[in-house]
Amino acid sequence: MVYFLRSKLSNEYVVHTSDGSDAIEKATEIVPDIIICDINLVDKDGYEISSALKKDLRTSHIPIIILTAQSNKEAVLKGLQTGVDQYLTKPFSLSILKQSISSLLFNREKLHYYYTNNIYRVEPESKFGNQEQSFITKMNDLIKINIETLNSLLKI
């Protein structure tokens, strides 16, 4: 499956692969734009990988697509609970996978643009995850302090 996906996606994307044993380390090092993961992997399952990546501020923003043969309700629910953004079952349509990738990347880019241009407007009561909200709050506090310092220096 890995070779098939690499051959079908490498014309449009830079593709990195893992058997699951080093997936978390690779994702932290590379910080890819998107991750496609199966549930049944060599060392860690896709749920563990997704959960770990979504808990880490460095990788929590990366969209994750689970592509697996497990189609029962419990498996889908567990995947969604660990933070996956899309759950596709095998056999799958390559066109649906490609569109899912494109849509997830486009939506992340829109969010990036919005929050880059509205960073001062992010409220403490926002519905971000705890790590993201804590980071945004600290960053906003630092920006305010630096702006106040700059303003006081300019008034002298």
Protein backbone atom coordinates (compact mmCIF):
# COMPACT_ATOMS: atom_id res chain seq x y z
CA MET A 1 0.00 0.00 0.00
CA VAL A 2 2.85 2.37 0.86
CA TYR A 3 4.44 1.93 -2.56
CA PHE A 4 1.10 2.38 -4.32
CA LEU A 5 0.35 5.62 -2.45
CA ARG A 6 3.86 6.93 -2.97
CA SER A 7 3.64 6.31 -6.71
CA LYS A 8 0.21 7.96 -6.95
CA LEU A 9 0.98 10.98 -4.73
CA SER A 10 4.65 11.75 -5.40
CA ASN A 11 3.87 13.72 -8.57
CA GLU A 12 2.00 16.30 -6.48
CA TYR A 13 3.59 15.99 -3.03
CA VAL A 14 6.88 15.19 -1.34
CA VAL A 15 6.20 11.81 0.25
CA HIS A 16 7.96 10.46 3.35
CA THR A 17 7.16 6.97 4.62
CA SER A 18 7.34 5.02 7.86
CA ASP A 19 6.31 1.57 9.00
CA GLY A 20 5.00 3.14 12.20
CA SER A 21 8.00 2.37 14.39
CA ASP A 22 9.49 5.84 13.92
CA ALA A 23 6.39 7.73 12.78
CA ILE A 24 6.17 10.09 15.76
CA GLU A 25 9.88 10.94 15.60
CA LYS A 26 9.73 11.51 11.83
CA ALA A 27 6.62 13.68 12.11
CA THR A 28 8.26 15.78 14.84
CA GLU A 29 11.44 16.15 12.79
CA ILE A 30 9.88 16.76 9.36
CA VAL A 31 6.57 18.37 10.44
CA PRO A 32 4.73 17.25 7.30
CA ASP A 33 1.71 19.04 5.89
CA ILE A 34 -0.45 15.92 6.22
CA ILE A 35 -0.19 12.34 7.48
CA ILE A 36 -1.85 9.26 6.02
CA CYS A 37 -1.77 6.38 8.46
CA ASP A 38 -3.13 2.86 8.80
CA ILE A 39 -4.30 1.46 12.12
CA ASN A 40 -2.35 -1.80 11.95
CA LEU A 41 1.34 -0.92 11.94
CA VAL A 42 4.54 -2.61 13.10
CA ASP A 43 5.33 -0.98 16.45
CA LYS A 44 2.53 1.46 17.29
CA ASP A 45 -0.98 1.46 15.94
CA GLY A 46 -2.46 4.42 14.10
CA TYR A 47 -4.51 5.42 17.14
CA GLU A 48 -1.39 5.74 19.31
CA ILE A 49 0.41 7.72 16.63
CA SER A 50 -2.52 10.07 16.08
CA SER A 51 -3.06 10.60 19.80
CA ALA A 52 0.63 11.35 20.44
CA LEU A 53 0.89 13.76 17.50
CA LYS A 54 -2.30 15.62 18.43
CA LYS A 55 -1.07 16.07 22.02
CA ASP A 56 2.24 17.60 20.90
CA LEU A 57 2.05 21.33 20.11
CA ARG A 58 4.69 20.91 17.40
CA THR A 59 2.50 18.46 15.45
CA SER A 60 -1.06 19.01 16.70
CA HIS A 61 -1.96 21.09 13.65
CA ILE A 62 -1.08 18.35 11.13
CA PRO A 63 -4.16 16.81 9.53
CA ILE A 64 -4.24 13.02 9.84
CA ILE A 65 -6.08 10.68 7.50
CA ILE A 66 -6.63 7.11 8.69
CA LEU A 67 -6.75 4.74 5.73
CA THR A 68 -7.67 1.28 6.97
CA ALA A 69 -9.70 -1.87 6.41
CA GLN A 70 -11.34 -1.49 9.84
CA SER A 71 -14.75 -0.07 9.09
CA ASN A 72 -16.76 -0.90 12.19
CA LYS A 73 -18.34 1.93 14.18
CA GLU A 74 -16.04 1.44 17.18
CA ALA A 75 -12.88 1.73 15.07
CA VAL A 76 -14.12 4.89 13.35
CA LEU A 77 -15.16 6.42 16.68
CA LYS A 78 -11.82 5.57 18.29
CA GLY A 79 -10.02 7.18 15.36
CA LEU A 80 -12.04 10.36 15.66
CA GLN A 81 -11.49 10.42 19.43
CA THR A 82 -7.72 10.30 18.92
CA GLY A 83 -7.92 13.37 16.70
CA VAL A 84 -7.90 12.06 13.14
CA ASP A 85 -9.35 14.47 10.62
CA GLN A 86 -10.54 11.94 8.04
CA TYR A 87 -11.30 8.22 8.29
CA LEU A 88 -11.32 6.33 4.99
CA THR A 89 -11.87 2.60 4.67
CA LYS A 90 -10.36 0.15 2.19
CA PRO A 91 -11.09 -0.45 -0.53
CA PHE A 92 -10.88 3.28 -1.13
CA SER A 93 -11.20 5.60 -4.06
CA LEU A 94 -7.94 7.30 -5.01
CA SER A 95 -9.87 10.35 -6.22
CA ILE A 96 -11.63 10.65 -2.83
CA LEU A 97 -8.28 10.32 -1.03
CA LYS A 98 -6.72 12.99 -3.26
CA GLN A 99 -9.67 15.32 -2.73
CA SER A 100 -9.54 14.71 1.03
CA ILE A 101 -5.85 15.64 1.05
CA SER A 102 -6.50 18.74 -1.03
CA SER A 103 -9.43 19.86 1.13
CA LEU A 104 -7.63 19.32 4.42
CA LEU A 105 -4.56 21.22 3.21
CA PHE A 106 -6.70 24.06 1.84
CA ASN A 107 -8.67 24.35 5.09
CA ARG A 108 -5.46 24.39 7.17
CA GLU A 109 -4.08 27.11 4.93
CA LYS A 110 -7.25 29.18 5.42
CA LEU A 111 -6.97 28.76 9.21
CA HIS A 112 -3.30 29.70 9.10
CA TYR A 113 -4.11 32.84 7.12
CA TYR A 114 -7.01 33.78 9.39
CA TYR A 115 -5.11 33.38 12.65
CA THR A 116 -1.98 35.02 11.27
CA ASN A 117 -4.03 38.08 10.40
CA ASN A 118 -6.24 38.04 13.51
CA ILE A 119 -3.84 36.95 16.24
CA TYR A 120 -4.86 39.84 18.50
CA ARG A 121 -8.50 38.82 18.29
CA VAL A 122 -8.11 35.28 19.60
CA GLU A 123 -10.01 35.29 22.87
CA PRO A 124 -9.01 33.32 25.98
CA GLU A 125 -12.38 31.54 25.83
CA SER A 126 -11.65 30.23 22.33
CA LYS A 127 -12.40 26.57 21.60
CA PHE A 128 -8.83 25.64 20.68
CA GLY A 129 -7.32 22.64 22.39
CA ASN A 130 -5.69 23.39 25.74
CA GLN A 131 -2.13 23.37 24.40
CA GLU A 132 -2.95 25.59 21.45
CA GLN A 133 -4.95 27.99 23.60
CA SER A 134 -2.17 28.21 26.17
CA PHE A 135 0.35 28.94 23.43
CA ILE A 136 -1.86 31.63 21.82
CA THR A 137 -2.54 33.26 25.20
CA LYS A 138 1.17 33.38 26.10
CA MET A 139 2.06 34.68 22.66
CA ASN A 140 -0.59 37.41 22.86
CA ASP A 141 0.66 38.40 26.32
CA LEU A 142 4.24 38.67 25.03
CA ILE A 143 3.11 40.74 22.05
CA LYS A 144 1.18 43.11 24.33
CA ILE A 145 4.16 43.51 26.67
CA ASN A 146 6.50 44.22 23.76
CA ILE A 147 4.10 46.71 22.22
CA GLU A 148 3.71 48.50 25.56
CA THR A 149 7.50 48.56 25.99
CA LEU A 150 7.96 49.89 22.47
CA ASN A 151 5.28 52.55 23.01
CA SER A 152 6.89 53.69 26.26
CA LEU A 153 10.29 53.90 24.58
CA LEU A 154 8.89 55.95 21.72
CA LYS A 155 7.28 58.41 24.13
CA ILE A 156 10.63 59.20 25.82
